[in-house]
Amino acid sequence: MGNDDLGLLRPHLTPVELGRGQKLVVAGEPIEHIYFPEGGVATVVSTLPESGSTEVGIFGRDGLSGFCALMGAECSRHDTIVQVDGATGLRIDTSTLIELMEQSPPLRALLKLYVPTFIV
């Protein structure tokens, strides 16, 4: 990420401690915050009534939670859960990040590139 975009984000990022089992995104609920883990791991979990739950994705300091909100979705179909004790990260209001993406085409392009990277 370039210095200009980092400077744009920095005033809106809040350092947070993330606890094991903490849900960063809850399936079916509005995504109010985007989390950028700095230390630790989170998984994206799909739950089906007939077959239980399974992890469908994993990310750490290279990723972010709730990226579907950046693509226009109001909620996710999956939970995102912190998997380790002592994790840390940065949190930003989803609406603020979307506004910043509208102001900065390079930031928007960078964050949207995360989607195919995560899916692969």
PDB file of N, CA and C in Angstrom:
ATOM      1  N   MET A   1       0.852  -1.171   0.000  1.00  0.00           N
ATOM      2  CA  MET A   1       0.000   0.000   0.000  1.00  0.00           C
ATOM      3  C   MET A   1       0.899   1.235   0.000  1.00  0.00           C
ATOM      4  N   GLY A   2       0.542   2.191  -0.818  1.00  0.00           N
ATOM      5  CA  GLY A   2       1.323   3.418  -0.910  1.00  0.00           C
ATOM      6  C   GLY A   2       1.157   4.310   0.309  1.00  0.00           C
ATOM      7  N   ASN A   3       2.117   5.201   0.497  1.00  0.00           N
ATOM      8  CA  ASN A   3       2.079   6.117   1.644  1.00  0.00           C
ATOM      9  C   ASN A   3       0.853   7.016   1.633  1.00  0.00           C
ATOM     10  N   ASP A   4       0.410   7.446   0.439  1.00  0.00           N
ATOM     11  CA  ASP A   4      -0.773   8.306   0.361  1.00  0.00           C
ATOM     12  C   ASP A   4      -2.001   7.587   0.901  1.00  0.00           C
ATOM     13  N   ASP A   5      -2.184   6.327   0.481  1.00  0.00           N
ATOM     14  CA  ASP A   5      -3.351   5.573   0.933  1.00  0.00           C
ATOM     15  C   ASP A   5      -3.243   5.208   2.404  1.00  0.00           C
ATOM     16  N   LEU A   6      -2.052   4.876   2.847  1.00  0.00           N
ATOM     17  CA  LEU A   6      -1.862   4.584   4.266  1.00  0.00           C
ATOM     18  C   LEU A   6      -2.159   5.825   5.100  1.00  0.00           C
ATOM     19  N   GLY A   7      -1.727   6.978   4.620  1.00  0.00           N
ATOM     20  CA  GLY A   7      -2.017   8.233   5.310  1.00  0.00           C
ATOM     21  C   GLY A   7      -3.499   8.541   5.349  1.00  0.00           C
ATOM     22  N   LEU A   8      -4.209   8.149   4.302  1.00  0.00           N
ATOM     23  CA  LEU A   8      -5.658   8.333   4.234  1.00  0.00           C
ATOM     24  C   LEU A   8      -6.366   7.441   5.257  1.00  0.00           C
ATOM     25  N   LEU A   9      -5.886   6.215   5.410  1.00  0.00           N
ATOM     26  CA  LEU A   9      -6.503   5.252   6.327  1.00  0.00           C
ATOM     27  C   LEU A   9      -6.145   5.498   7.793  1.00  0.00           C
ATOM     28  N   ARG A  10      -4.903   5.834   8.049  1.00  0.00           N
ATOM     29  CA  ARG A  10      -4.355   5.856   9.412  1.00  0.00           C
ATOM     30  C   ARG A  10      -5.238   6.559  10.449  1.00  0.00           C
ATOM     31  N   PRO A  11      -5.794   7.748  10.184  1.00  0.00           N
ATOM     32  CA  PRO A  11      -6.596   8.404  11.228  1.00  0.00           C
ATOM     33  C   PRO A  11      -7.884   7.653  11.582  1.00  0.00           C
ATOM     34  N   HIS A  12      -8.282   6.709  10.748  1.00  0.00           N
ATOM     35  CA  HIS A  12      -9.549   6.003  10.952  1.00  0.00           C
ATOM     36  C   HIS A  12      -9.362   4.597  11.512  1.00  0.00           C
ATOM     37  N   LEU A  13      -8.117   4.164  11.661  1.00  0.00           N
ATOM     38  CA  LEU A  13      -7.821   2.816  12.147  1.00  0.00           C
ATOM     39  C   LEU A  13      -7.685   2.813  13.663  1.00  0.00           C
ATOM     40  N   THR A  14      -8.364   1.865  14.300  1.00  0.00           N
ATOM     41  CA  THR A  14      -8.303   1.717  15.750  1.00  0.00           C
ATOM     42  C   THR A  14      -7.609   0.405  16.085  1.00  0.00           C
ATOM     43  N   PRO A  15      -6.517   0.437  16.868  1.00  0.00           N
ATOM     44  CA  PRO A  15      -5.884  -0.818  17.291  1.00  0.00           C
ATOM     45  C   PRO A  15      -6.827  -1.588  18.217  1.00  0.00           C
ATOM     46  N   VAL A  16      -6.909  -2.908  18.010  1.00  0.00           N
ATOM     47  CA  VAL A  16      -7.796  -3.742  18.826  1.00  0.00           C
ATOM     48  C   VAL A  16      -7.100  -5.054  19.175  1.00  0.00           C
ATOM     49  N   GLU A  17      -7.477  -5.598  20.322  1.00  0.00           N
ATOM     50  CA  GLU A  17      -7.072  -6.948  20.695  1.00  0.00           C
ATOM     51  C   GLU A  17      -8.196  -7.873  20.260  1.00  0.00           C
ATOM     52  N   LEU A  18      -7.816  -9.004  19.702  1.00  0.00           N
ATOM     53  CA  LEU A  18      -8.792  -9.958  19.188  1.00  0.00           C
ATOM     54  C   LEU A  18      -8.649 -11.262  19.960  1.00  0.00           C
ATOM     55  N   GLY A  19      -9.750 -11.736  20.525  1.00  0.00           N
ATOM     56  CA  GLY A  19      -9.706 -12.950  21.326  1.00  0.00           C
ATOM     57  C   GLY A  19     -10.100 -14.185  20.542  1.00  0.00           C
ATOM     58  N   ARG A  20      -9.512 -15.310  20.918  1.00  0.00           N
ATOM     59  CA  ARG A  20      -9.855 -16.574  20.266  1.00  0.00           C
ATOM     60  C   ARG A  20     -11.362 -16.806  20.370  1.00  0.00           C
ATOM     61  N   GLY A  21     -11.973 -17.137  19.235  1.00  0.00           N
ATOM     62  CA  GLY A  21     -13.409 -17.374  19.187  1.00  0.00           C
ATOM     63  C   GLY A  21     -14.229 -16.129  18.890  1.00  0.00           C
ATOM     64  N   GLN A  22     -13.595 -14.965  18.903  1.00  0.00           N
ATOM     65  CA  GLN A  22     -14.309 -13.716  18.615  1.00  0.00           C
ATOM     66  C   GLN A  22     -14.769 -13.704  17.163  1.00  0.00           C
ATOM     67  N   LYS A  23     -16.029 -13.349  16.970  1.00  0.00           N
ATOM     68  CA  LYS A  23     -16.570 -13.251  15.613  1.00  0.00           C
ATOM     69  C   LYS A  23     -16.370 -11.832  15.092  1.00  0.00           C
ATOM     70  N   LEU A  24     -15.605 -11.727  14.028  1.00  0.00           N
ATOM     71  CA  LEU A  24     -15.381 -10.436  13.381  1.00  0.00           C
ATOM     72  C   LEU A  24     -16.519 -10.123  12.426  1.00  0.00           C
ATOM     73  N   VAL A  25     -17.086 -11.164  11.852  1.00  0.00           N
ATOM     74  CA  VAL A  25     -18.244 -11.058  10.960  1.00  0.00           C
ATOM     75  C   VAL A  25     -19.212 -12.152  11.374  1.00  0.00           C
ATOM     76  N   VAL A  26     -20.487 -11.803  11.496  1.00  0.00           N
ATOM     77  CA  VAL A  26     -21.524 -12.771  11.842  1.00  0.00           C
ATOM     78  C   VAL A  26     -22.438 -12.932  10.633  1.00  0.00           C
ATOM     79  N   ALA A  27     -22.602 -14.162  10.189  1.00  0.00           N
ATOM     80  CA  ALA A  27     -23.432 -14.438   9.015  1.00  0.00           C
ATOM     81  C   ALA A  27     -24.818 -13.827   9.177  1.00  0.00           C
ATOM     82  N   GLY A  28     -25.265 -13.135   8.132  1.00  0.00           N
ATOM     83  CA  GLY A  28     -26.603 -12.566   8.112  1.00  0.00           C
ATOM     84  C   GLY A  28     -26.756 -11.234   8.821  1.00  0.00           C
ATOM     85  N   GLU A  29     -25.705 -10.764   9.482  1.00  0.00           N
ATOM     86  CA  GLU A  29     -25.771  -9.480  10.179  1.00  0.00           C
ATOM     87  C   GLU A  29     -24.964  -8.427   9.424  1.00  0.00           C
ATOM     88  N   PRO A  30     -25.343  -7.157   9.545  1.00  0.00           N
ATOM     89  CA  PRO A  30     -24.584  -6.096   8.863  1.00  0.00           C
ATOM     90  C   PRO A  30     -23.108  -6.113   9.270  1.00  0.00           C
ATOM     91  N   ILE A  31     -22.245  -5.841   8.312  1.00  0.00           N
ATOM     92  CA  ILE A  31     -20.803  -5.788   8.565  1.00  0.00           C
ATOM     93  C   ILE A  31     -20.462  -4.343   8.932  1.00  0.00           C
ATOM     94  N   GLU A  32     -20.353  -4.078  10.223  1.00  0.00           N
ATOM     95  CA  GLU A  32     -20.140  -2.715  10.708  1.00  0.00           C
ATOM     96  C   GLU A  32     -18.677  -2.299  10.684  1.00  0.00           C
ATOM     97  N   HIS A  33     -17.767  -3.268  10.798  1.00  0.00           N
ATOM     98  CA  HIS A  33     -16.332  -2.972  10.834  1.00  0.00           C
ATOM     99  C   HIS A  33     -15.569  -3.927   9.929  1.00  0.00           C
ATOM    100  N   ILE A  34     -14.473  -3.425   9.399  1.00  0.00           N
ATOM    101  CA  ILE A  34     -13.512  -4.240   8.673  1.00  0.00           C
ATOM    102  C   ILE A  34     -12.287  -4.352   9.578  1.00  0.00           C
ATOM    103  N   TYR A  35     -11.764  -5.567   9.717  1.00  0.00           N
ATOM    104  CA  TYR A  35     -10.592  -5.808  10.552  1.00  0.00           C
ATOM    105  C   TYR A  35      -9.406  -6.205   9.680  1.00  0.00           C
ATOM    106  N   PHE A  36      -8.258  -5.602   9.980  1.00  0.00           N
ATOM    107  CA  PHE A  36      -6.991  -5.956   9.354  1.00  0.00           C
ATOM    108  C   PHE A  36      -6.133  -6.605  10.446  1.00  0.00           C
ATOM    109  N   PRO A  37      -6.034  -7.932  10.482  1.00  0.00           N
ATOM    110  CA  PRO A  37      -5.202  -8.564  11.513  1.00  0.00           C
ATOM    111  C   PRO A  37      -3.733  -8.162  11.368  1.00  0.00           C
ATOM    112  N   GLU A  38      -3.103  -7.889  12.495  1.00  0.00           N
ATOM    113  CA  GLU A  38      -1.661  -7.624  12.503  1.00  0.00           C
ATOM    114  C   GLU A  38      -0.910  -8.832  13.039  1.00  0.00           C
ATOM    115  N   GLY A  39      -1.550  -9.556  13.904  1.00  0.00           N
ATOM    116  CA  GLY A  39      -0.995 -10.784  14.451  1.00  0.00           C
ATOM    117  C   GLY A  39      -2.144 -11.733  14.713  1.00  0.00           C
ATOM    118  N   GLY A  40      -1.969 -12.993  14.370  1.00  0.00           N
ATOM    119  CA  GLY A  40      -3.034 -13.968  14.561  1.00  0.00           C
ATOM    120  C   GLY A  40      -3.624 -14.434  13.246  1.00  0.00           C
ATOM    121  N   VAL A  41      -4.615 -15.283  13.368  1.00  0.00           N
ATOM    122  CA  VAL A  41      -5.259 -15.906  12.216  1.00  0.00           C
ATOM    123  C   VAL A  41      -6.765 -15.907  12.439  1.00  0.00           C
ATOM    124  N   ALA A  42      -7.508 -15.683  11.366  1.00  0.00           N
ATOM    125  CA  ALA A  42      -8.968 -15.797  11.410  1.00  0.00           C
ATOM    126  C   ALA A  42      -9.407 -16.713  10.272  1.00  0.00           C
ATOM    127  N   THR A  43     -10.521 -17.383  10.475  1.00  0.00           N
ATOM    128  CA  THR A  43     -11.061 -18.245   9.433  1.00  0.00           C
ATOM    129  C   THR A  43     -12.469 -17.803   9.071  1.00  0.00           C
ATOM    130  N   VAL A  44     -12.821 -18.077   7.836  1.00  0.00           N
ATOM    131  CA  VAL A  44     -14.176 -17.853   7.346  1.00  0.00           C
ATOM    132  C   VAL A  44     -14.865 -19.209   7.421  1.00  0.00           C
ATOM    133  N   VAL A  45     -16.002 -19.251   8.102  1.00  0.00           N
ATOM    134  CA  VAL A  45     -16.674 -20.513   8.387  1.00  0.00           C
ATOM    135  C   VAL A  45     -18.064 -20.516   7.768  1.00  0.00           C
ATOM    136  N   SER A  46     -18.342 -21.570   7.019  1.00  0.00           N
ATOM    137  CA  SER A  46     -19.665 -21.765   6.420  1.00  0.00           C
ATOM    138  C   SER A  46     -20.429 -22.769   7.268  1.00  0.00           C
ATOM    139  N   THR A  47     -21.672 -22.445   7.593  1.00  0.00           N
ATOM    140  CA  THR A  47     -22.498 -23.333   8.404  1.00  0.00           C
ATOM    141  C   THR A  47     -23.769 -23.681   7.647  1.00  0.00           C
ATOM    142  N   LEU A  48     -24.021 -24.975   7.540  1.00  0.00           N
ATOM    143  CA  LEU A  48     -25.244 -25.470   6.910  1.00  0.00           C
ATOM    144  C   LEU A  48     -25.984 -26.331   7.920  1.00  0.00           C
ATOM    145  N   PRO A  49     -27.296 -26.142   8.049  1.00  0.00           N
ATOM    146  CA  PRO A  49     -28.048 -26.880   9.067  1.00  0.00           C
ATOM    147  C   PRO A  49     -27.901 -28.397   8.951  1.00  0.00           C
ATOM    148  N   GLU A  50     -27.848 -28.896   7.729  1.00  0.00           N
ATOM    149  CA  GLU A  50     -27.823 -30.342   7.545  1.00  0.00           C
ATOM    150  C   GLU A  50     -26.434 -30.966   7.667  1.00  0.00           C
ATOM    151  N   SER A  51     -25.382 -30.151   7.545  1.00  0.00           N
ATOM    152  CA  SER A  51     -24.045 -30.756   7.551  1.00  0.00           C
ATOM    153  C   SER A  51     -23.068 -30.111   8.537  1.00  0.00           C
ATOM    154  N   GLY A  52     -23.497 -29.152   9.311  1.00  0.00           N
ATOM    155  CA  GLY A  52     -22.609 -28.517  10.274  1.00  0.00           C
ATOM    156  C   GLY A  52     -21.774 -27.417   9.650  1.00  0.00           C
ATOM    157  N   SER A  53     -20.611 -27.149  10.244  1.00  0.00           N
ATOM    158  CA  SER A  53     -19.786 -26.042   9.763  1.00  0.00           C
ATOM    159  C   SER A  53     -18.442 -26.543   9.248  1.00  0.00           C
ATOM    160  N   THR A  54     -17.870 -25.748   8.352  1.00  0.00           N
ATOM    161  CA  THR A  54     -16.543 -26.043   7.822  1.00  0.00           C
ATOM    162  C   THR A  54     -15.825 -24.741   7.508  1.00  0.00           C
ATOM    163  N   GLU A  55     -14.523 -24.753   7.681  1.00  0.00           N
ATOM    164  CA  GLU A  55     -13.722 -23.580   7.346  1.00  0.00           C
ATOM    165  C   GLU A  55     -13.546 -23.528   5.837  1.00  0.00           C
ATOM    166  N   VAL A  56     -13.869 -22.382   5.259  1.00  0.00           N
ATOM    167  CA  VAL A  56     -13.769 -22.221   3.804  1.00  0.00           C
ATOM    168  C   VAL A  56     -12.697 -21.208   3.413  1.00  0.00           C
ATOM    169  N   GLY A  57     -12.060 -20.601   4.399  1.00  0.00           N
ATOM    170  CA  GLY A  57     -11.005 -19.638   4.122  1.00  0.00           C
ATOM    171  C   GLY A  57     -10.237 -19.313   5.387  1.00  0.00           C
ATOM    172  N   ILE A  58      -9.016 -18.848   5.198  1.00  0.00           N
ATOM    173  CA  ILE A  58      -8.162 -18.479   6.326  1.00  0.00           C
ATOM    174  C   ILE A  58      -7.315 -17.278   5.912  1.00  0.00           C
ATOM    175  N   PHE A  59      -7.079 -16.378   6.858  1.00  0.00           N
ATOM    176  CA  PHE A  59      -6.216 -15.238   6.562  1.00  0.00           C
ATOM    177  C   PHE A  59      -5.565 -14.738   7.842  1.00  0.00           C
ATOM    178  N   GLY A  60      -4.489 -14.016   7.658  1.00  0.00           N
ATOM    179  CA  GLY A  60      -3.764 -13.402   8.765  1.00  0.00           C
ATOM    180  C   GLY A  60      -3.446 -11.970   8.409  1.00  0.00           C
ATOM    181  N   ARG A  61      -2.208 -11.567   8.659  1.00  0.00           N
ATOM    182  CA  ARG A  61      -1.830 -10.168   8.448  1.00  0.00           C
ATOM    183  C   ARG A  61      -1.849  -9.754   6.990  1.00  0.00           C
ATOM    184  N   ASP A  62      -2.034 -10.708   6.108  1.00  0.00           N
ATOM    185  CA  ASP A  62      -2.108 -10.405   4.679  1.00  0.00           C
ATOM    186  C   ASP A  62      -3.534 -10.144   4.212  1.00  0.00           C
ATOM    187  N   GLY A  63      -4.502 -10.191   5.127  1.00  0.00           N
ATOM    188  CA  GLY A  63      -5.890 -10.101   4.691  1.00  0.00           C
ATOM    189  C   GLY A  63      -6.735  -9.147   5.503  1.00  0.00           C
ATOM    190  N   LEU A  64      -8.036  -9.274   5.305  1.00  0.00           N
ATOM    191  CA  LEU A  64      -9.001  -8.438   6.004  1.00  0.00           C
ATOM    192  C   LEU A  64     -10.319  -9.177   6.112  1.00  0.00           C
ATOM    193  N   SER A  65     -11.093  -8.809   7.107  1.00  0.00           N
ATOM    194  CA  SER A  65     -12.403  -9.431   7.303  1.00  0.00           C
ATOM    195  C   SER A  65     -13.470  -8.654   6.550  1.00  0.00           C
ATOM    196  N   GLY A  66     -14.554  -9.333   6.229  1.00  0.00           N
ATOM    197  CA  GLY A  66     -15.727  -8.656   5.678  1.00  0.00           C
ATOM    198  C   GLY A  66     -15.547  -8.029   4.322  1.00  0.00           C
ATOM    199  N   PHE A  67     -14.649  -8.578   3.504  1.00  0.00           N
ATOM    200  CA  PHE A  67     -14.372  -7.937   2.214  1.00  0.00           C
ATOM    201  C   PHE A  67     -15.592  -7.892   1.309  1.00  0.00           C
ATOM    202  N   CYS A  68     -16.577  -8.759   1.538  1.00  0.00           N
ATOM    203  CA  CYS A  68     -17.781  -8.722   0.697  1.00  0.00           C
ATOM    204  C   CYS A  68     -18.510  -7.385   0.848  1.00  0.00           C
ATOM    205  N   ALA A  69     -18.357  -6.721   2.009  1.00  0.00           N
ATOM    206  CA  ALA A  69     -18.972  -5.400   2.198  1.00  0.00           C
ATOM    207  C   ALA A  69     -18.349  -4.373   1.262  1.00  0.00           C
ATOM    208  N   LEU A  70     -17.074  -4.558   0.940  1.00  0.00           N
ATOM    209  CA  LEU A  70     -16.392  -3.635   0.034  1.00  0.00           C
ATOM    210  C   LEU A  70     -16.848  -3.833  -1.405  1.00  0.00           C
ATOM    211  N   MET A  71     -17.512  -4.953  -1.648  1.00  0.00           N
ATOM    212  CA  MET A  71     -18.035  -5.250  -2.981  1.00  0.00           C
ATOM    213  C   MET A  71     -19.528  -4.923  -3.079  1.00  0.00           C
ATOM    214  N   GLY A  72     -20.094  -4.329  -2.020  1.00  0.00           N
ATOM    215  CA  GLY A  72     -21.478  -3.895  -2.056  1.00  0.00           C
ATOM    216  C   GLY A  72     -22.453  -4.718  -1.235  1.00  0.00           C
ATOM    217  N   ALA A  73     -22.015  -5.828  -0.651  1.00  0.00           N
ATOM    218  CA  ALA A  73     -22.907  -6.653   0.167  1.00  0.00           C
ATOM    219  C   ALA A  73     -23.078  -6.015   1.546  1.00  0.00           C
ATOM    220  N   GLU A  74     -24.282  -6.077   2.078  1.00  0.00           N
ATOM    221  CA  GLU A  74     -24.521  -5.533   3.416  1.00  0.00           C
ATOM    222  C   GLU A  74     -24.167  -6.527   4.508  1.00  0.00           C
ATOM    223  N   CYS A  75     -24.227  -7.819   4.170  1.00  0.00           N
ATOM    224  CA  CYS A  75     -23.895  -8.845   5.147  1.00  0.00           C
ATOM    225  C   CYS A  75     -23.224 -10.018   4.435  1.00  0.00           C
ATOM    226  N   SER A  76     -22.632 -10.882   5.226  1.00  0.00           N
ATOM    227  CA  SER A  76     -21.942 -12.055   4.705  1.00  0.00           C
ATOM    228  C   SER A  76     -22.798 -13.295   4.929  1.00  0.00           C
ATOM    229  N   ARG A  77     -22.553 -14.297   4.137  1.00  0.00           N
ATOM    230  CA  ARG A  77     -23.229 -15.579   4.336  1.00  0.00           C
ATOM    231  C   ARG A  77     -22.423 -16.474   5.272  1.00  0.00           C
ATOM    232  N   HIS A  78     -21.258 -15.971   5.713  1.00  0.00           N
ATOM    233  CA  HIS A  78     -20.356 -16.776   6.532  1.00  0.00           C
ATOM    234  C   HIS A  78     -19.899 -15.990   7.759  1.00  0.00           C
ATOM    235  N   ASP A  79     -19.547 -16.725   8.803  1.00  0.00           N
ATOM    236  CA  ASP A  79     -18.922 -16.122   9.981  1.00  0.00           C
ATOM    237  C   ASP A  79     -17.423 -15.996   9.731  1.00  0.00           C
ATOM    238  N   THR A  80     -16.810 -15.008  10.358  1.00  0.00           N
ATOM    239  CA  THR A  80     -15.352 -14.905  10.381  1.00  0.00           C
ATOM    240  C   THR A  80     -14.939 -14.917  11.843  1.00  0.00           C
ATOM    241  N   ILE A  81     -14.081 -15.879  12.206  1.00  0.00           N
ATOM    242  CA  ILE A  81     -13.780 -16.145  13.610  1.00  0.00           C
ATOM    243  C   ILE A  81     -12.268 -16.135  13.845  1.00  0.00           C
ATOM    244  N   VAL A  82     -11.844 -15.427  14.889  1.00  0.00           N
ATOM    245  CA  VAL A  82     -10.436 -15.411  15.292  1.00  0.00           C
ATOM    246  C   VAL A  82     -10.085 -16.793  15.850  1.00  0.00           C
ATOM    247  N   GLN A  83      -8.924 -17.328  15.452  1.00  0.00           N
ATOM    248  CA  GLN A  83      -8.562 -18.694  15.825  1.00  0.00           C
ATOM    249  C   GLN A  83      -7.437 -18.816  16.845  1.00  0.00           C
ATOM    250  N   VAL A  84      -6.839 -17.705  17.254  1.00  0.00           N
ATOM    251  CA  VAL A  84      -5.720 -17.786  18.199  1.00  0.00           C
ATOM    252  C   VAL A  84      -5.882 -16.762  19.319  1.00  0.00           C
ATOM    253  N   ASP A  85      -5.330 -17.098  20.468  1.00  0.00           N
ATOM    254  CA  ASP A  85      -5.287 -16.142  21.581  1.00  0.00           C
ATOM    255  C   ASP A  85      -4.228 -15.085  21.305  1.00  0.00           C
ATOM    256  N   GLY A  86      -4.430 -13.904  21.828  1.00  0.00           N
ATOM    257  CA  GLY A  86      -3.427 -12.850  21.734  1.00  0.00           C
ATOM    258  C   GLY A  86      -3.323 -12.181  20.381  1.00  0.00           C
ATOM    259  N   ALA A  87      -4.320 -12.350  19.535  1.00  0.00           N
ATOM    260  CA  ALA A  87      -4.292 -11.717  18.213  1.00  0.00           C
ATOM    261  C   ALA A  87      -4.531 -10.213  18.355  1.00  0.00           C
ATOM    262  N   THR A  88      -3.987  -9.473  17.416  1.00  0.00           N
ATOM    263  CA  THR A  88      -4.184  -8.026  17.381  1.00  0.00           C
ATOM    264  C   THR A  88      -4.542  -7.606  15.967  1.00  0.00           C
ATOM    265  N   GLY A  89      -5.102  -6.427  15.857  1.00  0.00           N
ATOM    266  CA  GLY A  89      -5.450  -5.941  14.530  1.00  0.00           C
ATOM    267  C   GLY A  89      -5.819  -4.474  14.542  1.00  0.00           C
ATOM    268  N   LEU A  90      -6.233  -4.021  13.383  1.00  0.00           N
ATOM    269  CA  LEU A  90      -6.718  -2.659  13.210  1.00  0.00           C
ATOM    270  C   LEU A  90      -8.150  -2.739  12.711  1.00  0.00           C
ATOM    271  N   ARG A  91      -9.005  -1.869  13.239  1.00  0.00           N
ATOM    272  CA  ARG A  91     -10.428  -1.876  12.881  1.00  0.00           C
ATOM    273  C   ARG A  91     -10.798  -0.522  12.295  1.00  0.00           C
ATOM    274  N   ILE A  92     -11.674  -0.566  11.291  1.00  0.00           N
ATOM    275  CA  ILE A  92     -12.191   0.654  10.676  1.00  0.00           C
ATOM    276  C   ILE A  92     -13.677   0.452  10.409  1.00  0.00           C
ATOM    277  N   ASP A  93     -14.460   1.507  10.555  1.00  0.00           N
ATOM    278  CA  ASP A  93     -15.880   1.421  10.215  1.00  0.00           C
ATOM    279  C   ASP A  93     -16.009   1.117   8.730  1.00  0.00           C
ATOM    280  N   THR A  94     -16.886   0.197   8.400  1.00  0.00           N
ATOM    281  CA  THR A  94     -17.076  -0.197   7.004  1.00  0.00           C
ATOM    282  C   THR A  94     -17.459   0.995   6.145  1.00  0.00           C
ATOM    283  N   SER A  95     -18.388   1.811   6.620  1.00  0.00           N
ATOM    284  CA  SER A  95     -18.836   2.959   5.824  1.00  0.00           C
ATOM    285  C   SER A  95     -17.689   3.939   5.573  1.00  0.00           C
ATOM    286  N   THR A  96     -16.813   4.105   6.551  1.00  0.00           N
ATOM    287  CA  THR A  96     -15.655   4.992   6.382  1.00  0.00           C
ATOM    288  C   THR A  96     -14.708   4.439   5.329  1.00  0.00           C
ATOM    289  N   LEU A  97     -14.441   3.141   5.381  1.00  0.00           N
ATOM    290  CA  LEU A  97     -13.534   2.549   4.400  1.00  0.00           C
ATOM    291  C   LEU A  97     -14.109   2.653   2.994  1.00  0.00           C
ATOM    292  N   ILE A  98     -15.400   2.457   2.855  1.00  0.00           N
ATOM    293  CA  ILE A  98     -16.028   2.587   1.537  1.00  0.00           C
ATOM    294  C   ILE A  98     -15.894   4.021   1.027  1.00  0.00           C
ATOM    295  N   GLU A  99     -16.102   5.000   1.894  1.00  0.00           N
ATOM    296  CA  GLU A  99     -15.924   6.411   1.497  1.00  0.00           C
ATOM    297  C   GLU A  99     -14.485   6.681   1.058  1.00  0.00           C
ATOM    298  N   LEU A 100     -13.523   6.145   1.801  1.00  0.00           N
ATOM    299  CA  LEU A 100     -12.114   6.345   1.451  1.00  0.00           C
ATOM    300  C   LEU A 100     -11.772   5.670   0.122  1.00  0.00           C
ATOM    301  N   MET A 101     -12.381   4.520  -0.134  1.00  0.00           N
ATOM    302  CA  MET A 101     -12.165   3.838  -1.415  1.00  0.00           C
ATOM    303  C   MET A 101     -12.706   4.674  -2.570  1.00  0.00           C
ATOM    304  N   GLU A 102     -13.809   5.381  -2.335  1.00  0.00           N
ATOM    305  CA  GLU A 102     -14.374   6.245  -3.376  1.00  0.00           C
ATOM    306  C   GLU A 102     -13.467   7.443  -3.642  1.00  0.00           C
ATOM    307  N   GLN A 103     -12.769   7.916  -2.607  1.00  0.00           N
ATOM    308  CA  GLN A 103     -11.861   9.056  -2.750  1.00  0.00           C
ATOM    309  C   GLN A 103     -10.544   8.674  -3.421  1.00  0.00           C
ATOM    310  N   SER A 104     -10.148   7.417  -3.275  1.00  0.00           N
ATOM    311  CA  SER A 104      -8.829   6.992  -3.748  1.00  0.00           C
ATOM    312  C   SER A 104      -8.936   5.783  -4.679  1.00  0.00           C
ATOM    313  N   PRO A 105      -8.911   6.001  -5.997  1.00  0.00           N
ATOM    314  CA  PRO A 105      -8.938   4.864  -6.923  1.00  0.00           C
ATOM    315  C   PRO A 105      -7.818   3.843  -6.676  1.00  0.00           C
ATOM    316  N   PRO A 106      -6.578   4.256  -6.331  1.00  0.00           N
ATOM    317  CA  PRO A 106      -5.556   3.238  -6.051  1.00  0.00           C
ATOM    318  C   PRO A 106      -5.900   2.362  -4.837  1.00  0.00           C
ATOM    319  N   LEU A 107      -6.467   2.966  -3.787  1.00  0.00           N
ATOM    320  CA  LEU A 107      -6.877   2.191  -2.616  1.00  0.00           C
ATOM    321  C   LEU A 107      -7.993   1.231  -2.996  1.00  0.00           C
ATOM    322  N   ARG A 108      -8.963   1.716  -3.742  1.00  0.00           N
ATOM    323  CA  ARG A 108     -10.075   0.868  -4.189  1.00  0.00           C
ATOM    324  C   ARG A 108      -9.546  -0.314  -5.001  1.00  0.00           C
ATOM    325  N   ALA A 109      -8.651  -0.047  -5.937  1.00  0.00           N
ATOM    326  CA  ALA A 109      -8.101  -1.116  -6.779  1.00  0.00           C
ATOM    327  C   ALA A 109      -7.344  -2.141  -5.937  1.00  0.00           C
ATOM    328  N   LEU A 110      -6.550  -1.670  -4.988  1.00  0.00           N
ATOM    329  CA  LEU A 110      -5.774  -2.573  -4.141  1.00  0.00           C
ATOM    330  C   LEU A 110      -6.679  -3.477  -3.313  1.00  0.00           C
ATOM    331  N   LEU A 111      -7.676  -2.892  -2.660  1.00  0.00           N
ATOM    332  CA  LEU A 111      -8.558  -3.687  -1.806  1.00  0.00           C
ATOM    333  C   LEU A 111      -9.415  -4.646  -2.624  1.00  0.00           C
ATOM    334  N   LYS A 112      -9.832  -4.241  -3.804  1.00  0.00           N
ATOM    335  CA  LYS A 112     -10.631  -5.146  -4.640  1.00  0.00           C
ATOM    336  C   LYS A 112      -9.788  -6.287  -5.204  1.00  0.00           C
ATOM    337  N   LEU A 113      -8.481  -6.090  -5.312  1.00  0.00           N
ATOM    338  CA  LEU A 113      -7.595  -7.179  -5.739  1.00  0.00           C
ATOM    339  C   LEU A 113      -7.527  -8.289  -4.697  1.00  0.00           C
ATOM    340  N   TYR A 114      -7.860  -7.970  -3.459  1.00  0.00           N
ATOM    341  CA  TYR A 114      -7.827  -8.977  -2.401  1.00  0.00           C
ATOM    342  C   TYR A 114      -8.851 -10.079  -2.646  1.00  0.00           C
ATOM    343  N   VAL A 115      -9.973  -9.755  -3.253  1.00  0.00           N
ATOM    344  CA  VAL A 115     -11.044 -10.738  -3.444  1.00  0.00           C
ATOM    345  C   VAL A 115     -10.555 -11.955  -4.225  1.00  0.00           C
ATOM    346  N   PRO A 116     -10.038 -11.801  -5.454  1.00  0.00           N
ATOM    347  CA  PRO A 116      -9.588 -13.006  -6.161  1.00  0.00           C
ATOM    348  C   PRO A 116      -8.396 -13.676  -5.484  1.00  0.00           C
ATOM    349  N   THR A 117      -7.578 -12.911  -4.781  1.00  0.00           N
ATOM    350  CA  THR A 117      -6.454 -13.498  -4.057  1.00  0.00           C
ATOM    351  C   THR A 117      -6.959 -14.396  -2.940  1.00  0.00           C
ATOM    352  N   PHE A 118      -7.981 -13.942  -2.219  1.00  0.00           N
ATOM    353  CA  PHE A 118      -8.537 -14.739  -1.128  1.00  0.00           C
ATOM    354  C   PHE A 118      -9.232 -15.978  -1.669  1.00  0.00           C
ATOM    355  N   ILE A 119      -9.953 -15.839  -2.751  1.00  0.00           N
ATOM    356  CA  ILE A 119     -10.721 -16.962  -3.298  1.00  0.00           C
ATOM    357  C   ILE A 119      -9.803 -18.067  -3.800  1.00  0.00           C
ATOM    358  N   VAL A 120      -8.662 -17.707  -4.362  1.00  0.00           N
ATOM    359  CA  VAL A 120      -7.719 -18.712  -4.852  1.00  0.00           C
ATOM    360  C   VAL A 120      -7.120 -19.410  -3.661  1.00  0.00           C
TER     361      VAL A 120
END
